[in-house]
Amino acid sequence: MSKSDAELISDAVNRFIDLANSIKNEDVDVNIVATALMSASGIYSTYAAGGNQGGLTEKGVEKVAAAYKSELARIQEVKRANAGKL
């Protein structure tokens, strides 16, 4: 049975977090790790949205930024819901 998109996303997210924690455990400040992850994500998101030829238009930047904002809001809702379960 193949995994759903949600399962594939969750697996990939966990791999990125594991890598980030590994870098942090090499005594790299968590803010540096977070900034590096954000930069890598921005580079890859630019590639995913616009291909490998050049960069994004202003409209493309707004589209990617809106996706980040939406995902961050979703994550915060989940964190608040989980905090209420403690």
N, C-alpha and C. Protein backbone atom coordinates (compact mmCIF):
# COMPACT_ATOMS: atom_id res chain seq x y z
N MET A 1 0.85 -1.18 0.00
CA MET A 1 0.00 0.00 0.00
C MET A 1 0.90 1.24 0.00
N SER A 2 0.62 2.16 -0.89
CA SER A 2 1.44 3.37 -0.96
C SER A 2 1.00 4.39 0.08
N LYS A 3 1.94 5.24 0.44
CA LYS A 3 1.66 6.27 1.45
C LYS A 3 0.89 7.42 0.83
N SER A 4 0.09 8.07 1.66
CA SER A 4 -0.64 9.26 1.23
C SER A 4 0.32 10.45 1.15
N ASP A 5 -0.11 11.50 0.49
CA ASP A 5 0.70 12.72 0.45
C ASP A 5 0.99 13.23 1.85
N ALA A 6 -0.01 13.17 2.73
CA ALA A 6 0.17 13.65 4.11
C ALA A 6 1.25 12.83 4.82
N GLU A 7 1.25 11.52 4.61
CA GLU A 7 2.27 10.66 5.22
C GLU A 7 3.66 10.95 4.65
N LEU A 8 3.73 11.16 3.35
CA LEU A 8 5.01 11.48 2.72
C LEU A 8 5.55 12.82 3.23
N ILE A 9 4.65 13.80 3.37
CA ILE A 9 5.05 15.10 3.89
C ILE A 9 5.54 14.96 5.33
N SER A 10 4.80 14.23 6.14
CA SER A 10 5.20 14.04 7.54
C SER A 10 6.56 13.36 7.64
N ASP A 11 6.79 12.35 6.82
CA ASP A 11 8.08 11.67 6.82
C ASP A 11 9.21 12.62 6.44
N ALA A 12 8.99 13.43 5.40
CA ALA A 12 10.02 14.38 4.96
C ALA A 12 10.27 15.44 6.03
N VAL A 13 9.21 15.95 6.64
CA VAL A 13 9.36 16.95 7.70
C VAL A 13 10.21 16.37 8.83
N ASN A 14 9.91 15.15 9.23
CA ASN A 14 10.67 14.52 10.31
C ASN A 14 12.14 14.33 9.94
N ARG A 15 12.42 14.03 8.68
CA ARG A 15 13.81 13.91 8.24
C ARG A 15 14.53 15.25 8.30
N PHE A 16 13.85 16.33 7.91
CA PHE A 16 14.46 17.66 8.00
C PHE A 16 14.71 18.04 9.46
N ILE A 17 13.76 17.75 10.33
CA ILE A 17 13.94 18.06 11.75
C ILE A 17 15.09 17.24 12.34
N ASP A 18 15.17 15.97 11.96
CA ASP A 18 16.29 15.15 12.43
C ASP A 18 17.63 15.74 11.98
N LEU A 19 17.69 16.18 10.72
CA LEU A 19 18.93 16.79 10.22
C LEU A 19 19.23 18.09 10.97
N ALA A 20 18.21 18.90 11.20
CA ALA A 20 18.40 20.16 11.93
C ALA A 20 18.90 19.88 13.34
N ASN A 21 18.33 18.88 14.00
CA ASN A 21 18.78 18.54 15.34
C ASN A 21 20.21 18.02 15.33
N SER A 22 20.57 17.29 14.30
CA SER A 22 21.94 16.80 14.17
C SER A 22 22.92 17.97 14.05
N ILE A 23 22.56 18.96 13.25
CA ILE A 23 23.41 20.15 13.09
C ILE A 23 23.48 20.91 14.42
N LYS A 24 22.34 21.06 15.08
CA LYS A 24 22.30 21.73 16.39
C LYS A 24 23.20 21.02 17.39
N ASN A 25 23.20 19.70 17.33
CA ASN A 25 24.02 18.90 18.25
C ASN A 25 25.51 19.02 17.96
N GLU A 26 25.85 19.65 16.85
CA GLU A 26 27.25 19.96 16.53
C GLU A 26 27.61 21.35 17.06
N ASP A 27 26.82 21.83 18.02
CA ASP A 27 27.02 23.13 18.68
C ASP A 27 26.80 24.32 17.75
N VAL A 28 25.88 24.17 16.81
CA VAL A 28 25.45 25.29 15.97
C VAL A 28 24.19 25.85 16.61
N ASP A 29 24.17 27.16 16.84
CA ASP A 29 23.03 27.82 17.48
C ASP A 29 21.73 27.51 16.72
N VAL A 30 20.65 27.27 17.48
CA VAL A 30 19.37 26.93 16.86
C VAL A 30 18.88 28.02 15.91
N ASN A 31 19.19 29.29 16.20
CA ASN A 31 18.77 30.37 15.29
C ASN A 31 19.51 30.29 13.96
N ILE A 32 20.77 29.87 13.98
CA ILE A 32 21.52 29.67 12.73
C ILE A 32 20.92 28.51 11.96
N VAL A 33 20.61 27.42 12.67
CA VAL A 33 20.00 26.25 12.02
C VAL A 33 18.66 26.63 11.40
N ALA A 34 17.83 27.37 12.16
CA ALA A 34 16.52 27.77 11.66
C ALA A 34 16.65 28.67 10.43
N THR A 35 17.59 29.60 10.47
CA THR A 35 17.79 30.50 9.33
C THR A 35 18.27 29.72 8.11
N ALA A 36 19.18 28.77 8.33
CA ALA A 36 19.67 27.95 7.22
C ALA A 36 18.54 27.11 6.62
N LEU A 37 17.70 26.54 7.48
CA LEU A 37 16.56 25.77 6.97
C LEU A 37 15.61 26.64 6.16
N MET A 38 15.35 27.85 6.68
CA MET A 38 14.46 28.77 5.98
C MET A 38 15.06 29.16 4.63
N SER A 39 16.36 29.42 4.60
CA SER A 39 17.02 29.78 3.34
C SER A 39 16.96 28.63 2.35
N ALA A 40 17.27 27.42 2.83
CA ALA A 40 17.21 26.24 1.95
C ALA A 40 15.79 26.04 1.43
N SER A 41 14.80 26.21 2.30
CA SER A 41 13.42 26.08 1.89
C SER A 41 13.04 27.13 0.85
N GLY A 42 13.51 28.35 1.06
CA GLY A 42 13.23 29.41 0.08
C GLY A 42 13.85 29.12 -1.27
N ILE A 43 15.08 28.60 -1.25
CA ILE A 43 15.75 28.25 -2.51
C ILE A 43 14.98 27.13 -3.21
N TYR A 44 14.61 26.12 -2.45
CA TYR A 44 13.90 24.99 -3.06
C TYR A 44 12.49 25.38 -3.49
N SER A 45 11.82 26.23 -2.70
CA SER A 45 10.49 26.70 -3.08
C SER A 45 10.53 27.53 -4.35
N THR A 46 11.59 28.32 -4.50
CA THR A 46 11.77 29.09 -5.74
C THR A 46 11.89 28.15 -6.92
N TYR A 47 12.67 27.09 -6.75
CA TYR A 47 12.83 26.08 -7.80
C TYR A 47 11.49 25.40 -8.10
N ALA A 48 10.77 25.00 -7.04
CA ALA A 48 9.49 24.30 -7.23
C ALA A 48 8.46 25.19 -7.92
N ALA A 49 8.43 26.47 -7.57
CA ALA A 49 7.43 27.38 -8.13
C ALA A 49 7.83 27.94 -9.49
N GLY A 50 9.13 28.13 -9.71
CA GLY A 50 9.55 28.81 -10.92
C GLY A 50 10.51 28.07 -11.81
N GLY A 51 10.88 26.87 -11.43
CA GLY A 51 11.83 26.12 -12.23
C GLY A 51 13.26 26.55 -11.93
N ASN A 52 14.15 26.07 -12.73
CA ASN A 52 15.57 26.30 -12.49
C ASN A 52 16.10 27.49 -13.29
N GLN A 53 15.23 28.18 -13.97
CA GLN A 53 15.63 29.30 -14.82
C GLN A 53 15.28 30.62 -14.14
N GLY A 54 16.25 31.25 -13.53
CA GLY A 54 16.01 32.56 -12.92
C GLY A 54 15.24 32.48 -11.62
N GLY A 55 14.64 33.60 -11.24
CA GLY A 55 13.93 33.69 -9.97
C GLY A 55 12.45 33.90 -10.18
N LEU A 56 11.79 34.24 -9.10
CA LEU A 56 10.35 34.45 -9.12
C LEU A 56 10.01 35.90 -9.43
N THR A 57 8.87 36.10 -10.04
CA THR A 57 8.33 37.45 -10.19
C THR A 57 7.80 37.89 -8.83
N GLU A 58 7.42 39.14 -8.72
CA GLU A 58 6.83 39.63 -7.46
C GLU A 58 5.60 38.81 -7.10
N LYS A 59 4.79 38.48 -8.11
CA LYS A 59 3.60 37.67 -7.87
C LYS A 59 3.99 36.28 -7.35
N GLY A 60 5.06 35.71 -7.89
CA GLY A 60 5.54 34.41 -7.43
C GLY A 60 6.04 34.47 -6.00
N VAL A 61 6.75 35.55 -5.66
CA VAL A 61 7.23 35.73 -4.28
C VAL A 61 6.03 35.81 -3.33
N GLU A 62 5.01 36.56 -3.72
CA GLU A 62 3.81 36.68 -2.90
C GLU A 62 3.11 35.33 -2.73
N LYS A 63 3.08 34.53 -3.80
CA LYS A 63 2.45 33.21 -3.74
C LYS A 63 3.19 32.30 -2.76
N VAL A 64 4.51 32.28 -2.84
CA VAL A 64 5.31 31.44 -1.93
C VAL A 64 5.18 31.96 -0.50
N ALA A 65 5.24 33.27 -0.31
CA ALA A 65 5.11 33.85 1.04
C ALA A 65 3.74 33.52 1.64
N ALA A 66 2.69 33.54 0.82
CA ALA A 66 1.35 33.20 1.32
C ALA A 66 1.29 31.73 1.73
N ALA A 67 1.97 30.87 0.99
CA ALA A 67 2.01 29.45 1.35
C ALA A 67 2.73 29.25 2.68
N TYR A 68 3.85 29.96 2.88
CA TYR A 68 4.56 29.89 4.17
C TYR A 68 3.66 30.38 5.30
N LYS A 69 3.00 31.50 5.09
CA LYS A 69 2.14 32.07 6.13
C LYS A 69 1.01 31.11 6.49
N SER A 70 0.41 30.51 5.49
CA SER A 70 -0.68 29.57 5.71
C SER A 70 -0.19 28.35 6.50
N GLU A 71 0.96 27.81 6.12
CA GLU A 71 1.50 26.63 6.80
C GLU A 71 1.90 26.97 8.24
N LEU A 72 2.50 28.12 8.44
CA LEU A 72 2.88 28.54 9.79
C LEU A 72 1.65 28.70 10.68
N ALA A 73 0.58 29.26 10.14
CA ALA A 73 -0.67 29.40 10.91
C ALA A 73 -1.23 28.03 11.25
N ARG A 74 -1.18 27.09 10.31
CA ARG A 74 -1.67 25.74 10.57
C ARG A 74 -0.85 25.06 11.67
N ILE A 75 0.45 25.20 11.61
CA ILE A 75 1.34 24.61 12.62
C ILE A 75 1.02 25.16 14.00
N GLN A 76 0.79 26.48 14.08
CA GLN A 76 0.49 27.09 15.38
C GLN A 76 -0.84 26.60 15.93
N GLU A 77 -1.82 26.40 15.07
CA GLU A 77 -3.11 25.86 15.51
C GLU A 77 -2.93 24.46 16.10
N VAL A 78 -2.13 23.62 15.43
CA VAL A 78 -1.86 22.26 15.91
C VAL A 78 -1.13 22.32 17.24
N LYS A 79 -0.13 23.20 17.36
CA LYS A 79 0.63 23.31 18.61
C LYS A 79 -0.28 23.75 19.76
N ARG A 80 -1.15 24.72 19.51
CA ARG A 80 -2.07 25.18 20.56
C ARG A 80 -3.04 24.07 20.95
N ALA A 81 -3.54 23.33 19.97
CA ALA A 81 -4.46 22.23 20.26
C ALA A 81 -3.76 21.14 21.07
N ASN A 82 -2.52 20.84 20.72
CA ASN A 82 -1.77 19.82 21.45
C ASN A 82 -1.42 20.29 22.85
N ALA A 83 -1.15 21.58 23.02
CA ALA A 83 -0.84 22.12 24.34
C ALA A 83 -2.05 22.00 25.26
N GLY A 84 -3.23 22.14 24.71
CA GLY A 84 -4.47 22.01 25.50
C GLY A 84 -4.73 20.59 25.96
N LYS A 85 -4.09 19.62 25.31
CA LYS A 85 -4.29 18.22 25.65
C LYS A 85 -3.38 17.75 26.76
N LEU A 86 -2.42 18.60 27.16
CA LEU A 86 -1.46 18.18 28.19
C LEU A 86 -2.06 18.18 29.57
